[in-house]
């Protein structure tokens, strides 16, 4: 409730969060995740979004300073979501959160906690969001579950409905060497009893480990790797453009001649590559 119009509510939210931080540190927490489920509107007549952004920023700055003042070894992770329970939540996506973090007083203390379901609710590619967070040095935590695009927050078992997307995500996390928590923020089907809930929990972890093994196979599959090498080869010797700008590089580039028809006529074999990926996932490679 950091963006509430009521100053008493905002003050209480800060107090409650400080006490939560104290309790977390007492039991050894090193990371505190914020999910702003109250930070939003049903009607924009009720709040000025600029005022809300300022209030949110001031709250996080205050809490960062509190952590520093107490001498705590603690970082924050912000978890975006497009809607639910509010009609429209502020900072609804990973990209929005990353932009917001740069405006804070202590951006080094704050990262993101992306969730599969939340980005899928907005119809976005979760892998791309995670890659952006990783590239920014802000992937502090991650919530793994599954979700059909454009639905309410389903929180299915990891890999339950979008297995290919789950594979690419696991492959990315393993390839880059992500060392943070892999948190399964998911729920068993409503029909399950106690044993069903246990099966659900085991299923989340088992699916991740299976996909981790599949990712390793992808990286060593000779046909797949040969295709990737062909797709990514540099036929024009343009490696000189890497490493940033220089006057010499710009001059050389301006002197290059490009045959656009020849470039456009080159097939990239993406269909074949995707089919091989499907075959690998289906266990026939």
Protein backbone atom coordinates (compact mmCIF):
# COMPACT_ATOMS: atom_id res chain seq x y z
CA UNK A 1 0.00 0.00 0.00
CA UNK A 2 2.94 2.34 -0.60
CA UNK A 3 0.91 4.25 -3.21
CA UNK A 4 -2.27 4.68 -1.15
CA UNK A 5 -3.88 8.12 -1.13
CA UNK A 6 -4.14 7.88 2.68
CA UNK A 7 -0.91 8.97 4.45
CA UNK A 8 -1.79 6.78 7.45
CA UNK A 9 -2.03 3.73 5.22
CA UNK A 10 1.32 4.55 3.61
CA UNK A 11 2.90 5.01 7.04
CA UNK A 12 1.46 1.73 8.30
CA UNK A 13 2.72 -0.05 5.19
CA UNK A 14 6.24 1.22 5.86
CA UNK A 15 6.06 0.22 9.52
CA UNK A 16 4.76 -3.25 8.70
CA UNK A 17 7.48 -3.72 6.08
CA UNK A 18 10.23 -2.64 8.48
CA UNK A 19 8.99 -5.19 11.00
CA UNK A 20 8.90 -7.83 8.28
CA UNK A 21 12.47 -6.97 7.34
CA UNK A 22 13.55 -7.26 10.98
CA UNK A 23 11.95 -10.69 11.27
CA UNK A 24 13.48 -11.86 8.01
CA UNK A 25 16.97 -10.79 9.00
CA UNK A 26 16.50 -12.46 12.40
CA UNK A 27 16.05 -15.83 10.70
CA UNK A 28 18.88 -15.28 8.21
CA UNK A 29 17.17 -13.78 5.16
CA UNK A 30 19.45 -12.16 2.59
CA UNK A 31 16.73 -11.16 0.12
CA UNK A 32 13.35 -9.50 0.62
CA UNK A 33 10.84 -9.76 -2.24
CA UNK A 34 8.25 -7.05 -2.83
CA UNK A 35 5.10 -7.94 -4.74
CA UNK A 36 3.04 -4.77 -5.01
CA UNK A 37 -0.38 -6.36 -5.23
CA UNK A 38 -2.03 -3.27 -3.74
CA UNK A 39 -0.12 -0.78 -5.89
CA UNK A 40 -2.60 0.06 -8.63
CA UNK A 41 -6.07 1.29 -9.49
CA UNK A 42 -9.52 0.33 -10.68
CA UNK A 43 -10.16 3.87 -11.93
CA UNK A 44 -7.54 6.42 -12.83
CA UNK A 45 -9.81 9.10 -11.41
CA UNK A 46 -8.62 7.93 -8.00
CA UNK A 47 -4.87 8.45 -8.35
CA UNK A 48 -2.38 10.39 -10.41
CA UNK A 49 0.08 7.77 -11.68
CA UNK A 50 2.94 10.24 -11.35
CA UNK A 51 2.10 10.78 -7.67
CA UNK A 52 1.98 7.01 -7.22
CA UNK A 53 5.38 6.59 -8.83
CA UNK A 54 6.82 9.20 -6.48
CA UNK A 55 5.25 7.52 -3.44
CA UNK A 56 6.53 4.10 -4.48
CA UNK A 57 10.02 5.53 -5.01
CA UNK A 58 10.03 7.32 -1.66
CA UNK A 59 8.93 4.16 0.14
CA UNK A 60 11.68 2.02 -1.36
CA UNK A 61 14.30 4.71 -0.75
CA UNK A 62 13.17 4.90 2.89
CA UNK A 63 13.39 1.13 3.29
CA UNK A 64 16.81 0.93 1.66
CA UNK A 65 18.06 3.58 4.06
CA UNK A 66 16.50 1.65 6.94
CA UNK A 67 18.40 -1.49 5.94
CA UNK A 68 21.64 0.47 5.67
CA UNK A 69 21.03 2.22 9.01
CA UNK A 70 20.42 -1.10 10.76
CA UNK A 71 23.55 -2.61 9.23
CA UNK A 72 21.62 -5.44 7.59
CA UNK A 73 23.09 -7.56 4.80
CA UNK A 74 19.90 -7.54 2.76
CA UNK A 75 18.83 -6.84 -0.81
CA UNK A 76 15.39 -6.25 -2.30
CA UNK A 77 13.74 -7.85 -5.34
CA UNK A 78 10.67 -6.30 -6.98
CA UNK A 79 8.10 -8.65 -8.50
CA UNK A 80 6.00 -7.26 -11.37
CA UNK A 81 2.49 -8.31 -12.33
CA UNK A 82 0.10 -6.66 -14.83
CA UNK A 83 -3.14 -7.00 -12.85
CA UNK A 84 -4.91 -8.94 -10.09
CA UNK A 85 -5.96 -8.18 -7.45
CA UNK A 86 -6.06 -4.58 -8.70
CA UNK A 87 -7.48 -3.91 -12.15
CA UNK A 88 -4.22 -2.28 -13.25
CA UNK A 89 -1.02 -2.67 -11.25
CA UNK A 90 1.78 -0.15 -11.44
CA UNK A 91 5.10 -1.33 -12.92
CA UNK A 92 3.40 -4.33 -14.56
CA UNK A 93 6.35 -6.00 -16.31
CA UNK A 94 10.01 -6.83 -15.78
CA UNK A 95 11.04 -4.07 -18.18
CA UNK A 96 8.99 -1.50 -16.28
CA UNK A 97 10.58 -2.57 -12.99
CA UNK A 98 14.09 -2.39 -14.43
CA UNK A 99 13.47 1.15 -15.61
CA UNK A 100 12.03 2.15 -12.24
CA UNK A 101 15.01 0.73 -10.32
CA UNK A 102 17.37 3.14 -12.09
CA UNK A 103 15.49 6.07 -10.52
CA UNK A 104 16.03 4.90 -6.92
CA UNK A 105 18.65 6.19 -4.49
CA UNK A 106 20.26 2.77 -4.01
CA UNK A 107 19.75 0.86 -7.28
CA UNK A 108 22.60 -1.49 -6.41
CA UNK A 109 20.49 -2.92 -3.57
CA UNK A 110 17.45 -3.67 -5.71
CA UNK A 111 16.78 -6.23 -8.43
CA UNK A 112 13.78 -8.09 -9.80
CA UNK A 113 11.92 -11.32 -9.11
CA UNK A 114 10.34 -12.30 -12.44
CA UNK A 115 7.49 -14.83 -12.43
CA UNK A 116 6.54 -16.98 -15.41
CA UNK A 117 2.79 -16.58 -14.87
CA UNK A 118 2.89 -12.82 -14.47
CA UNK A 119 4.66 -12.13 -17.77
CA UNK A 120 2.44 -14.69 -19.53
CA UNK A 121 -0.65 -12.90 -18.20
CA UNK A 122 0.52 -9.92 -20.27
CA UNK A 123 1.23 -12.14 -23.30
CA UNK A 124 4.98 -11.55 -23.09
CA UNK A 125 7.98 -13.79 -23.69
CA UNK A 126 9.27 -14.68 -20.22
CA UNK A 127 12.68 -15.81 -21.46
CA UNK A 128 13.31 -12.39 -22.98
CA UNK A 129 12.35 -10.68 -19.72
CA UNK A 130 14.68 -12.91 -17.72
CA UNK A 131 17.52 -12.33 -20.18
CA UNK A 132 17.07 -8.57 -19.87
CA UNK A 133 17.13 -8.82 -16.08
CA UNK A 134 20.25 -10.99 -16.19
CA UNK A 135 21.98 -8.64 -18.63
CA UNK A 136 21.22 -5.76 -16.25
CA UNK A 137 22.67 -7.63 -13.28
CA UNK A 138 19.24 -7.57 -11.64
CA UNK A 139 18.09 -11.20 -11.64
CA UNK A 140 18.09 -11.57 -7.86
CA UNK A 141 15.39 -14.28 -7.64
CA UNK A 142 12.94 -16.08 -9.92
CA UNK A 143 9.47 -17.60 -9.54
CA UNK A 144 8.86 -20.72 -11.60
CA UNK A 145 5.36 -21.92 -12.46
CA UNK A 146 3.27 -22.14 -15.62
CA UNK A 147 0.46 -20.19 -17.20
CA UNK A 148 -1.56 -19.89 -20.38
CA UNK A 149 -1.29 -16.51 -22.07
CA UNK A 150 -3.84 -13.85 -21.18
CA UNK A 151 -5.56 -15.69 -18.31
CA UNK A 152 -5.96 -14.98 -14.61
CA UNK A 153 -2.98 -15.91 -12.42
CA UNK A 154 -3.12 -19.70 -12.79
CA UNK A 155 0.13 -20.68 -11.00
CA UNK A 156 0.23 -24.14 -12.55
CA UNK A 157 2.97 -26.68 -11.83
CA UNK A 158 6.20 -25.72 -13.61
CA UNK A 159 6.12 -27.03 -17.19
CA UNK A 160 2.48 -28.09 -16.96
CA UNK A 161 1.23 -26.26 -20.06
CA UNK A 162 4.07 -24.56 -21.98
CA UNK A 163 6.84 -27.10 -22.09
CA UNK A 164 8.91 -25.50 -24.87
CA UNK A 165 8.94 -22.12 -23.12
CA UNK A 166 9.94 -23.88 -19.89
CA UNK A 167 12.78 -25.63 -21.72
CA UNK A 168 14.23 -22.41 -23.12
CA UNK A 169 14.02 -20.82 -19.67
CA UNK A 170 15.83 -23.68 -17.94
CA UNK A 171 18.43 -23.76 -20.70
CA UNK A 172 19.09 -20.05 -20.26
CA UNK A 173 19.41 -20.25 -16.47
CA UNK A 174 21.80 -23.19 -16.71
CA UNK A 175 23.83 -21.78 -19.61
CA UNK A 176 24.51 -18.46 -17.85
CA UNK A 177 25.23 -20.14 -14.52
CA UNK A 178 22.43 -18.55 -12.50
CA UNK A 179 23.15 -19.25 -8.82
CA UNK A 180 20.07 -17.75 -7.18
CA UNK A 181 17.00 -19.46 -5.77
CA UNK A 182 14.68 -21.38 -8.06
CA UNK A 183 11.37 -20.78 -6.32
CA UNK A 184 8.32 -22.74 -7.42
CA UNK A 185 5.54 -20.21 -6.80
CA UNK A 186 2.78 -22.56 -7.90
CA UNK A 187 -0.25 -24.46 -6.64
CA UNK A 188 -1.51 -28.00 -7.04
CA UNK A 189 -4.80 -28.48 -8.84
CA UNK A 190 -7.77 -27.74 -6.59
CA UNK A 191 -8.85 -31.38 -6.77
CA UNK A 192 -5.71 -32.69 -5.02
CA UNK A 193 -5.45 -34.26 -1.57
CA UNK A 194 -2.31 -34.25 0.58
CA UNK A 195 -0.60 -36.89 -1.55
CA UNK A 196 -1.53 -34.96 -4.67
CA UNK A 197 0.12 -31.85 -3.29
CA UNK A 198 3.28 -33.84 -2.64
CA UNK A 199 3.17 -35.17 -6.21
CA UNK A 200 2.78 -31.58 -7.43
CA UNK A 201 5.86 -30.43 -5.51
CA UNK A 202 7.94 -33.34 -6.75
CA UNK A 203 6.70 -32.68 -10.28
CA UNK A 204 7.92 -29.08 -10.27
CA UNK A 205 11.44 -30.14 -9.31
CA UNK A 206 11.51 -33.21 -11.54
CA UNK A 207 10.42 -31.24 -14.60
CA UNK A 208 13.15 -28.66 -13.99
CA UNK A 209 15.79 -31.37 -13.70
CA UNK A 210 14.53 -33.18 -16.82
CA UNK A 211 14.69 -29.93 -18.79
CA UNK A 212 18.16 -29.25 -17.40
CA UNK A 213 19.25 -32.60 -18.84
CA UNK A 214 17.53 -31.79 -22.15
CA UNK A 215 19.38 -28.45 -22.26
CA UNK A 216 22.70 -30.25 -21.86
CA UNK A 217 21.74 -32.58 -24.73
CA UNK A 218 20.80 -29.58 -26.89
CA UNK A 219 24.24 -28.10 -26.27
CA UNK A 220 26.00 -31.30 -27.34
CA UNK A 221 23.70 -32.47 -30.17
CA UNK A 222 25.96 -32.45 -33.23
CA UNK A 223 23.20 -31.71 -35.76
CA UNK A 224 21.72 -28.88 -33.71
CA UNK A 225 25.12 -27.34 -33.04
CA UNK A 226 26.11 -27.61 -36.71
CA UNK A 227 22.94 -25.74 -37.66
CA UNK A 228 23.64 -23.04 -35.08
CA UNK A 229 27.21 -22.66 -36.34
CA UNK A 230 25.93 -22.25 -39.90
CA UNK A 231 23.24 -19.78 -38.84
CA UNK A 232 25.71 -17.63 -36.92
CA UNK A 233 28.72 -17.72 -39.23
CA UNK A 234 30.26 -14.44 -40.37
CA UNK A 235 30.64 -14.71 -44.15
CA UNK A 236 31.50 -11.06 -44.61
CA UNK A 237 34.24 -10.79 -41.98
CA UNK A 238 32.43 -8.11 -40.01
CA UNK A 239 33.97 -9.04 -36.70
CA UNK A 240 35.78 -5.72 -36.75
CA UNK A 241 32.49 -4.02 -35.73
CA UNK A 242 32.55 -5.61 -32.29
CA UNK A 243 34.06 -3.78 -29.35
CA UNK A 244 32.43 -0.41 -29.85
CA UNK A 245 32.74 2.57 -32.15
CA UNK A 246 35.84 4.06 -33.72
CA UNK A 247 36.31 6.49 -36.59
CA UNK A 248 38.25 3.85 -38.49
CA UNK A 249 35.46 1.30 -38.13
CA UNK A 250 32.86 3.80 -39.31
CA UNK A 251 34.98 4.69 -42.34
CA UNK A 252 35.48 1.04 -43.23
CA UNK A 253 31.76 0.28 -42.80
CA UNK A 254 30.78 3.18 -45.06
CA UNK A 255 32.98 1.67 -47.75
CA UNK A 256 31.33 -1.76 -47.62
CA UNK A 257 29.09 -2.96 -50.46
CA UNK A 258 26.07 -5.14 -49.63
CA UNK A 259 24.22 -7.43 -52.05
CA UNK A 260 20.74 -7.26 -50.50
CA UNK A 261 19.26 -9.88 -52.82
CA UNK A 262 21.96 -12.37 -51.93
CA UNK A 263 21.52 -11.67 -48.22
CA UNK A 264 17.74 -12.10 -48.44
CA UNK A 265 18.02 -15.32 -50.45
CA UNK A 266 19.96 -17.13 -47.74
CA UNK A 267 17.80 -19.60 -45.81
CA UNK A 268 18.43 -19.78 -42.09
CA UNK A 269 16.97 -23.23 -41.36
CA UNK A 270 14.97 -22.04 -38.36
CA UNK A 271 12.21 -24.54 -39.18
CA UNK A 272 14.68 -27.40 -39.10
CA UNK A 273 16.25 -26.13 -35.89
CA UNK A 274 12.89 -25.82 -34.16
CA UNK A 275 11.83 -29.29 -35.31
CA UNK A 276 15.03 -30.78 -33.91
CA UNK A 277 14.30 -29.01 -30.62
CA UNK A 278 10.81 -30.51 -30.56
CA UNK A 279 12.20 -33.98 -31.29
CA UNK A 280 14.70 -33.59 -28.47
CA UNK A 281 11.95 -32.58 -26.05
CA UNK A 282 9.74 -35.47 -27.18
CA UNK A 283 12.54 -37.93 -26.49
CA UNK A 284 13.19 -39.16 -30.02
CA UNK A 285 16.71 -37.72 -30.30
